Protein backbone atom coordinates (compact mmCIF):
# COMPACT_ATOMS: atom_id res chain seq x y z
CA UNK A 1 -329.82 11.54 32.45
CA UNK A 2 -329.77 8.28 30.48
CA UNK A 3 -327.72 5.52 32.16
CA UNK A 4 -327.01 2.47 29.94
CA UNK A 5 -326.71 -1.15 31.00
CA UNK A 6 -323.31 -2.53 29.95
CA UNK A 7 -322.21 -6.07 29.11
CA UNK A 8 -318.46 -6.73 28.79
CA UNK A 9 -317.81 -9.61 26.36
CA UNK A 10 -314.61 -11.60 26.89
CA UNK A 11 -313.70 -14.40 24.45
CA UNK A 12 -311.19 -16.78 26.00
CA UNK A 13 -309.43 -20.03 25.16
CA UNK A 14 -307.35 -21.76 27.87
CA UNK A 15 -306.86 -18.54 29.85
CA UNK A 16 -306.92 -19.94 33.40
CA UNK A 17 -303.88 -17.85 34.34
CA UNK A 18 -305.59 -14.60 33.28
CA UNK A 19 -309.18 -15.13 34.43
CA UNK A 20 -308.73 -14.25 38.17
CA UNK A 21 -306.89 -10.96 37.55
CA UNK A 22 -309.10 -10.05 34.58
CA UNK A 23 -312.28 -10.67 36.56
CA UNK A 24 -311.05 -8.64 39.52
CA UNK A 25 -310.00 -5.67 37.41
CA UNK A 26 -313.14 -5.58 35.30
CA UNK A 27 -315.41 -5.89 38.33
CA UNK A 28 -313.51 -2.96 39.80
CA UNK A 29 -314.08 -0.95 36.60
CA UNK A 30 -317.80 -1.80 36.63
CA UNK A 31 -318.09 -0.91 40.33
CA UNK A 32 -316.50 2.51 39.80
CA UNK A 33 -318.65 3.25 36.76
CA UNK A 34 -321.77 2.29 38.71
CA UNK A 35 -320.78 4.61 41.57
CA UNK A 36 -320.41 7.46 39.09
CA UNK A 37 -323.85 6.66 37.61
CA UNK A 38 -322.27 6.04 34.21
CA UNK A 39 -323.73 2.51 33.89
CA UNK A 40 -326.57 0.70 35.66
CA UNK A 41 -326.02 -1.55 38.68
CA UNK A 42 -327.12 -4.65 36.76
CA UNK A 43 -324.26 -4.37 34.23
CA UNK A 44 -322.27 -7.59 33.92
CA UNK A 45 -319.27 -9.51 32.56
CA UNK A 46 -319.92 -12.21 29.96
CA UNK A 47 -317.20 -14.81 29.31
CA UNK A 48 -317.20 -16.97 26.19
CA UNK A 49 -315.04 -20.04 26.81
CA UNK A 50 -314.11 -21.14 23.30
CA UNK A 51 -313.88 -24.87 24.05
CA UNK A 52 -311.25 -24.34 26.77
CA UNK A 53 -309.67 -27.56 28.07
CA UNK A 54 -307.97 -26.11 31.16
CA UNK A 55 -309.62 -24.59 34.28
CA UNK A 56 -310.99 -21.53 32.47
CA UNK A 57 -314.64 -22.59 32.62
CA UNK A 58 -314.27 -23.89 36.16
CA UNK A 59 -313.08 -20.43 37.22
CA UNK A 60 -315.92 -18.71 35.35
CA UNK A 61 -318.38 -20.96 37.23
CA UNK A 62 -316.74 -19.99 40.52
CA UNK A 63 -316.97 -16.26 39.86
CA UNK A 64 -320.56 -16.65 38.68
CA UNK A 65 -321.42 -18.05 42.11
CA UNK A 66 -319.19 -15.68 44.12
CA UNK A 67 -320.60 -12.56 42.44
CA UNK A 68 -324.28 -13.60 42.46
CA UNK A 69 -324.42 -13.67 38.69
CA UNK A 70 -322.42 -10.51 38.04
CA UNK A 71 -320.14 -12.79 36.00
CA UNK A 72 -322.01 -14.80 33.37
CA UNK A 73 -320.89 -16.86 30.41
CA UNK A 74 -321.14 -19.74 28.00
CA UNK A 75 -318.89 -22.71 27.26
CA UNK A 76 -318.57 -23.95 23.67
CA UNK A 77 -318.60 -27.69 22.97
CA UNK A 78 -315.29 -27.26 21.12
CA UNK A 79 -313.00 -24.52 19.82
CA UNK A 80 -314.86 -22.49 17.17
CA UNK A 81 -312.42 -19.58 16.89
CA UNK A 82 -312.06 -16.04 18.18
CA UNK A 83 -314.46 -14.31 15.76
CA UNK A 84 -317.30 -16.72 16.46
CA UNK A 85 -316.65 -16.43 20.18
CA UNK A 86 -317.04 -12.64 20.02
CA UNK A 87 -320.16 -13.01 17.87
CA UNK A 88 -321.65 -15.55 20.27
CA UNK A 89 -320.90 -13.28 23.22
CA UNK A 90 -322.79 -10.42 21.59
CA UNK A 91 -325.78 -12.53 20.52
CA UNK A 92 -326.12 -14.54 23.73
CA UNK A 93 -325.56 -11.56 26.04
CA UNK A 94 -328.24 -9.66 24.11
CA UNK A 95 -330.73 -12.36 25.17
CA UNK A 96 -330.03 -11.40 28.77
CA UNK A 97 -330.38 -7.76 27.78
CA UNK A 98 -328.12 -4.71 27.73
CA UNK A 99 -327.99 -1.33 26.05
CA UNK A 100 -324.40 -1.61 24.88
CA UNK A 101 -321.68 -4.25 24.68
CA UNK A 102 -317.90 -3.96 24.85
CA UNK A 103 -315.65 -6.80 23.65
CA UNK A 104 -312.15 -7.01 25.11
CA UNK A 105 -309.37 -9.62 25.17
CA UNK A 106 -309.05 -11.91 28.19
CA UNK A 107 -305.44 -10.89 28.87
CA UNK A 108 -306.43 -7.20 29.26
CA UNK A 109 -303.50 -5.99 27.20
CA UNK A 110 -306.07 -3.53 25.92
CA UNK A 111 -306.55 -0.76 28.48
CA UNK A 112 -309.70 -1.56 30.46
CA UNK A 113 -309.69 1.94 32.01
CA UNK A 114 -310.70 3.26 28.58
CA UNK A 115 -314.13 1.65 29.01
CA UNK A 116 -315.37 4.89 30.56
CA UNK A 117 -314.38 6.75 27.39
CA UNK A 118 -316.22 4.17 25.25
CA UNK A 119 -319.40 4.81 27.26
CA UNK A 120 -319.00 8.57 26.91
CA UNK A 121 -318.74 8.23 23.11
CA UNK A 122 -321.84 6.01 23.16
CA UNK A 123 -323.78 8.56 25.24
CA UNK A 124 -322.80 11.19 22.66
CA UNK A 125 -324.61 9.24 19.96
CA UNK A 126 -322.07 6.74 18.58
CA UNK A 127 -323.58 3.31 17.89
CA UNK A 128 -320.17 1.74 17.22
CA UNK A 129 -317.03 2.83 19.06
CA UNK A 130 -313.85 1.23 17.73
CA UNK A 131 -310.72 0.78 19.82
CA UNK A 132 -307.56 1.81 17.95
CA UNK A 133 -304.18 0.90 19.42
CA UNK A 134 -301.75 3.81 19.31
CA UNK A 135 -298.74 1.78 18.21
CA UNK A 136 -297.37 -1.76 17.90
CA UNK A 137 -294.37 -1.44 20.24
CA UNK A 138 -295.29 -4.65 22.08
CA UNK A 139 -295.24 -6.73 18.85
CA UNK A 140 -292.26 -8.48 17.32
CA UNK A 141 -290.92 -7.27 13.98
CA UNK A 142 -292.69 -9.96 11.93
CA UNK A 143 -296.07 -9.50 13.62
CA UNK A 144 -295.80 -5.73 13.47
CA UNK A 145 -295.14 -5.46 9.74
CA UNK A 146 -297.38 -8.36 8.73
CA UNK A 147 -300.27 -6.72 10.62
CA UNK A 148 -299.65 -3.38 8.89
CA UNK A 149 -299.50 -5.15 5.54
CA UNK A 150 -302.80 -6.89 6.31
CA UNK A 151 -304.59 -3.61 7.04
CA UNK A 152 -303.25 -2.05 3.86
CA UNK A 153 -304.29 -5.08 1.83
CA UNK A 154 -307.81 -5.10 3.33
CA UNK A 155 -308.23 -1.41 2.54
CA UNK A 156 -307.08 -2.01 -1.04
CA UNK A 157 -309.76 -4.69 -1.26
CA UNK A 158 -312.41 -2.23 -0.11
CA UNK A 159 -312.81 -3.08 3.59
CA UNK A 160 -312.05 0.50 4.78
CA UNK A 161 -310.62 -0.56 8.16
CA UNK A 162 -308.65 1.83 10.35
CA UNK A 163 -305.03 0.74 10.79
CA UNK A 164 -304.50 -0.96 14.19
CA UNK A 165 -308.24 -1.38 14.73
CA UNK A 166 -308.68 -4.23 17.20
CA UNK A 167 -311.64 -6.25 18.48
CA UNK A 168 -311.80 -3.90 21.47
CA UNK A 169 -315.03 -2.09 20.61
CA UNK A 170 -318.42 -0.98 21.84
CA UNK A 171 -321.61 -1.67 19.92
CA UNK A 172 -325.16 -0.71 20.77
CA UNK A 173 -328.04 -3.13 21.17
CA UNK A 174 -329.46 -1.83 17.89
CA UNK A 175 -326.24 -2.79 16.10
CA UNK A 176 -326.32 -6.29 17.63
CA UNK A 177 -329.91 -6.76 16.40
CA UNK A 178 -328.75 -5.78 12.91
CA UNK A 179 -325.79 -8.16 13.15
CA UNK A 180 -328.22 -11.03 13.85
CA UNK A 181 -329.56 -10.65 10.33
CA UNK A 182 -326.21 -11.61 8.80
CA UNK A 183 -326.20 -15.40 8.55
CA UNK A 184 -322.69 -15.98 7.19
CA UNK A 185 -320.68 -18.66 8.96
CA UNK A 186 -317.35 -16.84 8.67
CA UNK A 187 -317.86 -13.24 9.68
CA UNK A 188 -314.89 -10.89 9.69
CA UNK A 189 -316.19 -8.58 12.39
CA UNK A 190 -313.75 -5.71 11.88
CA UNK A 191 -314.93 -5.39 8.31
CA UNK A 192 -318.56 -6.18 9.04
CA UNK A 193 -319.02 -3.41 11.59
CA UNK A 194 -317.78 -0.95 8.98
CA UNK A 195 -320.08 -2.42 6.36
CA UNK A 196 -323.34 -2.17 8.32
CA UNK A 197 -323.08 1.59 8.79
CA UNK A 198 -324.30 3.46 11.91
CA UNK A 199 -322.56 6.41 13.53
CA UNK A 200 -319.00 5.55 14.56
CA UNK A 201 -316.42 7.02 16.87
CA UNK A 202 -312.95 5.99 18.00
CA UNK A 203 -311.03 5.51 21.25
CA UNK A 204 -307.22 5.33 21.18
CA UNK A 205 -305.42 3.18 23.74
CA UNK A 206 -301.98 1.88 24.66
CA UNK A 207 -301.31 -1.86 24.62
CA UNK A 208 -299.85 -3.29 27.82
CA UNK A 209 -297.55 -6.26 28.23
CA UNK A 210 -299.32 -9.54 28.95
CA UNK A 211 -299.00 -10.27 32.68
CA UNK A 212 -299.88 -13.98 32.72
CA UNK A 213 -299.95 -16.95 30.36
CA UNK A 214 -299.17 -16.96 26.66
CA UNK A 215 -301.18 -15.63 23.76
CA UNK A 216 -303.22 -18.35 22.02
CA UNK A 217 -303.40 -16.18 18.90
CA UNK A 218 -300.15 -17.14 17.16
CA UNK A 219 -298.87 -16.64 13.64
CA UNK A 220 -301.02 -19.38 12.12
CA UNK A 221 -304.15 -18.04 13.84
CA UNK A 222 -303.41 -14.56 12.52
CA UNK A 223 -302.82 -15.97 9.03
CA UNK A 224 -306.11 -17.89 9.18
CA UNK A 225 -307.93 -14.73 10.31
CA UNK A 226 -306.36 -12.77 7.44
CA UNK A 227 -307.37 -15.36 4.84
CA UNK A 228 -310.88 -15.60 6.28
CA UNK A 229 -311.18 -11.83 6.36
CA UNK A 230 -310.13 -11.44 2.75
CA UNK A 231 -312.20 -14.27 1.29
CA UNK A 232 -315.33 -13.54 3.31
CA UNK A 233 -315.27 -9.82 2.64
CA UNK A 234 -314.04 -9.23 -0.91
CA UNK A 235 -314.11 -10.85 -4.36
CA UNK A 236 -311.24 -8.69 -5.62
CA UNK A 237 -308.75 -11.63 -5.47
CA UNK A 238 -310.99 -13.58 -7.87
CA UNK A 239 -310.93 -10.65 -10.26
CA UNK A 240 -307.14 -10.53 -9.93
CA UNK A 241 -307.03 -14.19 -10.95
CA UNK A 242 -308.96 -13.33 -14.13
CA UNK A 243 -306.74 -10.31 -14.78
CA UNK A 244 -303.59 -12.39 -14.25
CA UNK A 245 -304.87 -15.01 -16.69
CA UNK A 246 -305.44 -12.34 -19.34
CA UNK A 247 -301.97 -10.84 -18.83
CA UNK A 248 -300.26 -14.25 -19.00
CA UNK A 249 -302.19 -15.12 -22.18
CA UNK A 250 -301.20 -11.85 -23.83
CA UNK A 251 -297.57 -12.33 -22.76
CA UNK A 252 -297.53 -15.87 -24.19
CA UNK A 253 -299.06 -14.64 -27.46
CA UNK A 254 -296.43 -11.86 -27.69
CA UNK A 255 -293.57 -14.33 -27.13
CA UNK A 256 -294.99 -16.71 -29.73
CA UNK A 257 -295.48 -13.89 -32.24
CA UNK A 258 -291.90 -12.70 -31.66
CA UNK A 259 -290.54 -16.22 -32.28
CA UNK A 260 -292.58 -16.50 -35.49
CA UNK A 261 -291.32 -13.15 -36.79
CA UNK A 262 -287.70 -14.12 -36.02
CA UNK A 263 -288.20 -17.36 -37.94
CA UNK A 264 -289.76 -15.63 -40.96
CA UNK A 265 -286.98 -13.05 -41.29
CA UNK A 266 -284.31 -15.71 -41.02
CA UNK A 267 -282.88 -14.98 -37.57
CA UNK A 268 -281.40 -18.00 -35.87
CA UNK A 269 -282.87 -18.64 -32.43
CA UNK A 270 -280.45 -20.13 -29.91
CA UNK A 271 -282.34 -22.60 -27.72
CA UNK A 272 -282.01 -21.89 -24.00
CA UNK A 273 -283.25 -24.57 -21.67
CA UNK A 274 -282.72 -22.35 -18.59
CA UNK A 275 -285.11 -19.72 -19.94
CA UNK A 276 -287.70 -22.37 -20.69
CA UNK A 277 -287.44 -23.83 -17.19
CA UNK A 278 -287.75 -20.40 -15.56
CA UNK A 279 -290.77 -19.44 -17.66
CA UNK A 280 -292.49 -22.77 -17.08
CA UNK A 281 -291.81 -22.55 -13.35
CA UNK A 282 -293.16 -19.01 -13.19
CA UNK A 283 -296.30 -19.82 -15.14
CA UNK A 284 -296.83 -23.01 -13.14
CA UNK A 285 -296.50 -21.06 -9.88
CA UNK A 286 -299.05 -18.47 -11.05
CA UNK A 287 -301.46 -21.26 -11.97
CA UNK A 288 -301.13 -22.97 -8.60
CA UNK A 289 -301.59 -19.64 -6.80
CA UNK A 290 -304.74 -18.90 -8.79
CA UNK A 291 -306.13 -22.36 -8.11
CA UNK A 292 -305.38 -21.85 -4.41
CA UNK A 293 -307.27 -18.53 -4.34
CA UNK A 294 -310.25 -20.10 -6.09
CA UNK A 295 -310.04 -23.03 -3.65
CA UNK A 296 -310.28 -20.67 -0.67
CA UNK A 297 -313.49 -19.19 -2.04
CA UNK A 298 -314.88 -22.64 -2.79
CA UNK A 299 -314.05 -23.61 0.79
CA UNK A 300 -315.97 -20.59 2.09
CA UNK A 301 -318.92 -21.54 -0.14
CA UNK A 302 -318.71 -25.15 1.07
CA UNK A 303 -318.95 -24.00 4.69
CA UNK A 304 -321.92 -21.74 3.95
CA UNK A 305 -324.08 -24.20 1.99
CA UNK A 306 -323.85 -26.88 4.70
CA UNK A 307 -325.70 -24.47 7.06
CA UNK A 308 -324.12 -25.93 10.18
CA UNK A 309 -324.43 -23.89 13.39
CA UNK A 310 -321.82 -21.17 13.86
CA UNK A 311 -321.21 -22.39 17.40
CA UNK A 312 -322.59 -24.94 19.86
CA UNK A 313 -323.13 -24.03 23.51
CA UNK A 314 -322.40 -26.84 25.96
CA UNK A 315 -323.17 -24.93 29.16
CA UNK A 316 -324.54 -21.51 30.05
CA UNK A 317 -324.36 -19.41 33.21
CA UNK A 318 -326.74 -16.54 33.88
């Protein structure tokens, strides 16, 4: 019977209140899976401290010593963002070596007991196992509906992402090696893992209430992730800009032609300043929006051509 070596990747930013409980619970999961011969005894936890300024990294150091290296990790020189932290965890943990990798949030709102099911799906041949939350009952109204709108928008743009797909997922070592070949600075991992192919499966889980600390992934972070995901994964918005320009030009031509016809047949045209202001404001707004969309893509291009490192590791524990 094949028994895989597992690495659990945990991106974290200022999560000192969660680290002790998270470490304890995940070590317990690993211990039970090892006893059942589901994973090897050298499986490990891999923290990625995303430039944390509190005691997060200090605690990771402590658990690294207390567990004889069962807890490993890296500390970024500054905050590089959640997606790069997950990517770094996969790439750096693969240097240590594992057969499969599971990424999970530091607050463990995602059900860690489902890890066993992820491994079972992997043993049945799945190279990528995506975690899908069953509902969004723990979210506020704004976050709930904005998230649903985001998934629908991404699917319209061709990303083909399951609704409520989170960054709780398992990937095989083969998938990680393939991911290394993608050199983009701003990877949208949920879309990328769908794009690269491989056999997929799904695990459905309930989201728990956060037991300690506050989420560092607020509305602005979610908005930034959405913008990055759209602009790094699809050029459809640029095509919409072109389409909008054509429509506005045709509409302007039609209005001008109508005014000319009215003049030629002798109809008096009553001037209406309000209509002019509304039309100008609408057209001006469309222009600014289009320039903003183009600017986002130029910003992505600017980041790529500079070829700066995707992350910088300040300290590493193995």
